[in-house]
PDB file of N, CA and C in Angstrom:
ATOM      1  N   MET A   1     100.535  84.251 101.135  1.00  0.00           N
ATOM      2  CA  MET A   1      99.272  84.349 100.413  1.00  0.00           C
ATOM      3  C   MET A   1      99.398  85.492  99.439  1.00  0.00           C
ATOM      4  N   SER A   2      98.890  85.410  98.249  1.00  0.00           N
ATOM      5  CA  SER A   2      98.943  86.458  97.240  1.00  0.00           C
ATOM      6  C   SER A   2      97.691  87.357  97.321  1.00  0.00           C
ATOM      7  N   LYS A   3      97.820  88.578  96.798  1.00  0.00           N
ATOM      8  CA  LYS A   3      96.713  89.511  96.829  1.00  0.00           C
ATOM      9  C   LYS A   3      95.693  89.092  95.784  1.00  0.00           C
ATOM     10  N   LYS A   4      94.422  89.206  96.172  1.00  0.00           N
ATOM     11  CA  LYS A   4      93.287  88.906  95.309  1.00  0.00           C
ATOM     12  C   LYS A   4      92.716  90.215  94.813  1.00  0.00           C
ATOM     13  N   ARG A   5      92.956  91.324  95.515  1.00  0.00           N
ATOM     14  CA  ARG A   5      92.435  92.600  95.130  1.00  0.00           C
ATOM     15  C   ARG A   5      93.267  93.729  95.609  1.00  0.00           C
ATOM     16  N   GLU A   6      93.089  94.935  95.065  1.00  0.00           N
ATOM     17  CA  GLU A   6      93.789  96.117  95.467  1.00  0.00           C
ATOM     18  C   GLU A   6      92.802  96.991  96.228  1.00  0.00           C
ATOM     19  N   LEU A   7      93.316  97.664  97.252  1.00  0.00           N
ATOM     20  CA  LEU A   7      92.459  98.621  98.000  1.00  0.00           C
ATOM     21  C   LEU A   7      92.852 100.037  97.607  1.00  0.00           C
ATOM     22  N   TYR A   8      91.830 100.856  97.461  1.00  0.00           N
ATOM     23  CA  TYR A   8      92.041 102.290  97.144  1.00  0.00           C
ATOM     24  C   TYR A   8      91.298 103.107  98.210  1.00  0.00           C
ATOM     25  N   PHE A   9      91.852 104.152  98.630  1.00  0.00           N
ATOM     26  CA  PHE A   9      91.213 105.018  99.655  1.00  0.00           C
ATOM     27  C   PHE A   9      90.959 106.368  99.063  1.00  0.00           C
ATOM     28  N   PHE A  10      89.823 106.908  99.328  1.00  0.00           N
ATOM     29  CA  PHE A  10      89.354 108.193  98.814  1.00  0.00           C
ATOM     30  C   PHE A  10      90.048 109.329  99.562  1.00  0.00           C
ATOM     31  N   LYS A  11      90.712 110.173  98.821  1.00  0.00           N
ATOM     32  CA  LYS A  11      91.435 111.352  99.357  1.00  0.00           C
ATOM     33  C   LYS A  11      92.258 110.903 100.567  1.00  0.00           C
ATOM     34  N   ASP A  12      92.287 111.674 101.649  1.00  0.00           N
ATOM     35  CA  ASP A  12      93.126 111.332 102.799  1.00  0.00           C
ATOM     36  C   ASP A  12      92.301 110.986 104.044  1.00  0.00           C
ATOM     37  N   TYR A  13      91.000 110.663 103.840  1.00  0.00           N
ATOM     38  CA  TYR A  13      90.089 110.371 104.936  1.00  0.00           C
ATOM     39  C   TYR A  13      90.533 109.212 105.780  1.00  0.00           C
ATOM     40  N   PHE A  14      90.958 108.137 105.075  1.00  0.00           N
ATOM     41  CA  PHE A  14      91.401 106.911 105.814  1.00  0.00           C
ATOM     42  C   PHE A  14      92.641 107.235 106.580  1.00  0.00           C
ATOM     43  N   GLU A  15      93.641 107.943 105.997  1.00  0.00           N
ATOM     44  CA  GLU A  15      94.890 108.187 106.667  1.00  0.00           C
ATOM     45  C   GLU A  15      94.643 109.014 107.962  1.00  0.00           C
ATOM     46  N   LYS A  16      93.833 109.976 107.843  1.00  0.00           N
ATOM     47  CA  LYS A  16      93.524 110.844 109.014  1.00  0.00           C
ATOM     48  C   LYS A  16      92.861 110.001 110.143  1.00  0.00           C
ATOM     49  N   PHE A  17      91.887 109.190 109.697  1.00  0.00           N
ATOM     50  CA  PHE A  17      91.212 108.314 110.691  1.00  0.00           C
ATOM     51  C   PHE A  17      92.213 107.328 111.317  1.00  0.00           C
ATOM     52  N   TYR A  18      93.005 106.680 110.493  1.00  0.00           N
ATOM     53  CA  TYR A  18      93.988 105.701 110.981  1.00  0.00           C
ATOM     54  C   TYR A  18      95.000 106.352 111.959  1.00  0.00           C
ATOM     55  N   ASP A  19      95.512 107.505 111.637  1.00  0.00           N
ATOM     56  CA  ASP A  19      96.465 108.230 112.491  1.00  0.00           C
ATOM     57  C   ASP A  19      95.877 108.556 113.833  1.00  0.00           C
ATOM     58  N   ASP A  20      94.631 108.774 113.898  1.00  0.00           N
ATOM     59  CA  ASP A  20      93.940 109.140 115.205  1.00  0.00           C
ATOM     60  C   ASP A  20      93.725 107.960 116.108  1.00  0.00           C
ATOM     61  N   GLN A  21      93.912 106.692 115.656  1.00  0.00           N
ATOM     62  CA  GLN A  21      93.679 105.517 116.457  1.00  0.00           C
ATOM     63  C   GLN A  21      94.859 105.102 117.317  1.00  0.00           C
ATOM     64  N   SER A  22      94.597 104.357 118.348  1.00  0.00           N
ATOM     65  CA  SER A  22      95.673 103.805 119.201  1.00  0.00           C
ATOM     66  C   SER A  22      96.428 102.732 118.407  1.00  0.00           C
ATOM     67  N   GLU A  23      97.614 102.393 118.880  1.00  0.00           N
ATOM     68  CA  GLU A  23      98.424 101.351 118.200  1.00  0.00           C
ATOM     69  C   GLU A  23      97.719 100.087 118.083  1.00  0.00           C
ATOM     70  N   LYS A  24      96.965  99.718 119.171  1.00  0.00           N
ATOM     71  CA  LYS A  24      96.190  98.441 119.156  1.00  0.00           C
ATOM     72  C   LYS A  24      95.092  98.425 118.104  1.00  0.00           C
ATOM     73  N   VAL A  25      94.412  99.524 117.956  1.00  0.00           N
ATOM     74  CA  VAL A  25      93.341  99.622 116.911  1.00  0.00           C
ATOM     75  C   VAL A  25      94.008  99.675 115.544  1.00  0.00           C
ATOM     76  N   GLN A  26      95.114 100.336 115.369  1.00  0.00           N
ATOM     77  CA  GLN A  26      95.805 100.323 114.080  1.00  0.00           C
ATOM     78  C   GLN A  26      96.162  98.973 113.655  1.00  0.00           C
ATOM     79  N   LYS A  27      96.662  98.137 114.555  1.00  0.00           N
ATOM     80  CA  LYS A  27      96.986  96.727 114.224  1.00  0.00           C
ATOM     81  C   LYS A  27      95.790  95.939 113.755  1.00  0.00           C
ATOM     82  N   LYS A  28      94.668  96.165 114.417  1.00  0.00           N
ATOM     83  CA  LYS A  28      93.418  95.490 114.031  1.00  0.00           C
ATOM     84  C   LYS A  28      92.981  95.974 112.621  1.00  0.00           C
ATOM     85  N   ILE A  29      93.098  97.220 112.357  1.00  0.00           N
ATOM     86  CA  ILE A  29      92.728  97.778 111.067  1.00  0.00           C
ATOM     87  C   ILE A  29      93.574  97.121 109.982  1.00  0.00           C
ATOM     88  N   LEU A  30      94.888  97.131 110.188  1.00  0.00           N
ATOM     89  CA  LEU A  30      95.820  96.539 109.201  1.00  0.00           C
ATOM     90  C   LEU A  30      95.561  95.040 109.000  1.00  0.00           C
ATOM     91  N   TRP A  31      95.247  94.324 110.070  1.00  0.00           N
ATOM     92  CA  TRP A  31      94.957  92.920 109.940  1.00  0.00           C
ATOM     93  C   TRP A  31      93.659  92.681 109.106  1.00  0.00           C
ATOM     94  N   THR A  32      92.635  93.507 109.351  1.00  0.00           N
ATOM     95  CA  THR A  32      91.420  93.414 108.579  1.00  0.00           C
ATOM     96  C   THR A  32      91.681  93.744 107.086  1.00  0.00           C
ATOM     97  N   LEU A  33      92.481  94.810 106.800  1.00  0.00           N
ATOM     98  CA  LEU A  33      92.738  95.148 105.444  1.00  0.00           C
ATOM     99  C   LEU A  33      93.530  94.044 104.721  1.00  0.00           C
ATOM    100  N   LYS A  34      94.410  93.380 105.446  1.00  0.00           N
ATOM    101  CA  LYS A  34      95.143  92.247 104.833  1.00  0.00           C
ATOM    102  C   LYS A  34      94.183  91.119 104.498  1.00  0.00           C
ATOM    103  N   ILE A  35      93.287  90.791 105.347  1.00  0.00           N
ATOM    104  CA  ILE A  35      92.262  89.767 105.104  1.00  0.00           C
ATOM    105  C   ILE A  35      91.453  90.201 103.854  1.00  0.00           C
ATOM    106  N   VAL A  36      91.054  91.406 103.699  1.00  0.00           N
ATOM    107  CA  VAL A  36      90.238  91.875 102.601  1.00  0.00           C
ATOM    108  C   VAL A  36      91.070  91.706 101.275  1.00  0.00           C
ATOM    109  N   GLU A  37      92.376  92.019 101.343  1.00  0.00           N
ATOM    110  CA  GLU A  37      93.165  91.874 100.146  1.00  0.00           C
ATOM    111  C   GLU A  37      93.472  90.425  99.746  1.00  0.00           C
ATOM    112  N   GLU A  38      93.532  89.485 100.691  1.00  0.00           N
ATOM    113  CA  GLU A  38      94.087  88.166 100.487  1.00  0.00           C
ATOM    114  C   GLU A  38      93.047  87.030 100.290  1.00  0.00           C
ATOM    115  N   ILE A  39      91.890  87.111 100.903  1.00  0.00           N
ATOM    116  CA  ILE A  39      90.959  85.989 100.815  1.00  0.00           C
ATOM    117  C   ILE A  39      90.010  86.133  99.684  1.00  0.00           C
ATOM    118  N   ASP A  40      89.560  85.023  99.054  1.00  0.00           N
ATOM    119  CA  ASP A  40      88.682  85.029  97.935  1.00  0.00           C
ATOM    120  C   ASP A  40      87.299  85.586  98.256  1.00  0.00           C
ATOM    121  N   ARG A  41      86.705  85.058  99.269  1.00  0.00           N
ATOM    122  CA  ARG A  41      85.348  85.449  99.654  1.00  0.00           C
ATOM    123  C   ARG A  41      85.373  86.110 101.038  1.00  0.00           C
ATOM    124  N   ILE A  42      85.048  87.380 101.032  1.00  0.00           N
ATOM    125  CA  ILE A  42      85.150  88.175 102.266  1.00  0.00           C
ATOM    126  C   ILE A  42      83.838  88.098 102.996  1.00  0.00           C
ATOM    127  N   PRO A  43      83.827  87.695 104.242  1.00  0.00           N
ATOM    128  CA  PRO A  43      82.537  87.679 105.070  1.00  0.00           C
ATOM    129  C   PRO A  43      81.974  89.121 105.151  1.00  0.00           C
ATOM    130  N   GLU A  44      80.730  89.242 105.165  1.00  0.00           N
ATOM    131  CA  GLU A  44      80.056  90.551 105.209  1.00  0.00           C
ATOM    132  C   GLU A  44      80.396  91.293 106.466  1.00  0.00           C
ATOM    133  N   ILE A  45      80.847  90.665 107.499  1.00  0.00           N
ATOM    134  CA  ILE A  45      81.256  91.341 108.756  1.00  0.00           C
ATOM    135  C   ILE A  45      82.417  92.274 108.500  1.00  0.00           C
ATOM    136  N   TYR A  46      83.253  91.991 107.489  1.00  0.00           N
ATOM    137  CA  TYR A  46      84.398  92.819 107.185  1.00  0.00           C
ATOM    138  C   TYR A  46      84.081  93.843 106.072  1.00  0.00           C
ATOM    139  N   LEU A  47      83.261  93.500 105.106  1.00  0.00           N
ATOM    140  CA  LEU A  47      83.106  94.367 103.942  1.00  0.00           C
ATOM    141  C   LEU A  47      81.700  94.128 103.400  1.00  0.00           C
ATOM    142  N   LYS A  48      80.920  95.206 103.269  1.00  0.00           N
ATOM    143  CA  LYS A  48      79.576  95.131 102.799  1.00  0.00           C
ATOM    144  C   LYS A  48      79.385  95.949 101.530  1.00  0.00           C
ATOM    145  N   HIS A  49      78.853  95.361 100.431  1.00  0.00           N
ATOM    146  CA  HIS A  49      78.656  96.054  99.169  1.00  0.00           C
ATOM    147  C   HIS A  49      77.521  97.065  99.348  1.00  0.00           C
ATOM    148  N   LEU A  50      77.731  98.268  98.818  1.00  0.00           N
ATOM    149  CA  LEU A  50      76.763  99.314  98.898  1.00  0.00           C
ATOM    150  C   LEU A  50      75.795  99.104  97.755  1.00  0.00           C
ATOM    151  N   LYS A  51      74.500  99.000  98.035  1.00  0.00           N
ATOM    152  CA  LYS A  51      73.467  98.774  96.994  1.00  0.00           C
ATOM    153  C   LYS A  51      73.463  99.924  95.970  1.00  0.00           C
ATOM    154  N   ASN A  52      73.134  99.561  94.748  1.00  0.00           N
ATOM    155  CA  ASN A  52      72.989 100.484  93.681  1.00  0.00           C
ATOM    156  C   ASN A  52      74.314 101.208  93.335  1.00  0.00           C
ATOM    157  N   THR A  53      75.446 100.519  93.579  1.00  0.00           N
ATOM    158  CA  THR A  53      76.767 101.098  93.248  1.00  0.00           C
ATOM    159  C   THR A  53      77.495 100.050  92.454  1.00  0.00           C
ATOM    160  N   SER A  54      78.582 100.526  91.796  1.00  0.00           N
ATOM    161  CA  SER A  54      79.428  99.572  91.068  1.00  0.00           C
ATOM    162  C   SER A  54      80.781  99.516  91.756  1.00  0.00           C
ATOM    163  N   GLY A  55      80.991  98.592  92.558  1.00  0.00           N
ATOM    164  CA  GLY A  55      82.273  98.367  93.180  1.00  0.00           C
ATOM    165  C   GLY A  55      82.583  99.196  94.467  1.00  0.00           C
ATOM    166  N   LEU A  56      81.531  99.748  95.102  1.00  0.00           N
ATOM    167  CA  LEU A  56      81.739 100.456  96.348  1.00  0.00           C
ATOM    168  C   LEU A  56      81.356  99.625  97.544  1.00  0.00           C
ATOM    169  N   TYR A  57      82.228  99.643  98.569  1.00  0.00           N
ATOM    170  CA  TYR A  57      82.008  98.856  99.734  1.00  0.00           C
ATOM    171  C   TYR A  57      82.271  99.702 100.957  1.00  0.00           C
ATOM    172  N   GLU A  58      81.643  99.304 102.090  1.00  0.00           N
ATOM    173  CA  GLU A  58      81.933  99.956 103.357  1.00  0.00           C
ATOM    174  C   GLU A  58      82.391  98.978 104.380  1.00  0.00           C
TER     175      GLU A  58
END
């Protein structure tokens, strides 16, 4: 599957969070990020648009 979007992380917050997780949780995070990059329409359970912003999601 090809990438539909690029992910950008603010400063090193994600890296610090990711490094603190167990290997099992890290695998789940990577799986979710891959889904976000590759599918056309992302279910809100994975990614929610922040109101009154331009392109920010949580």
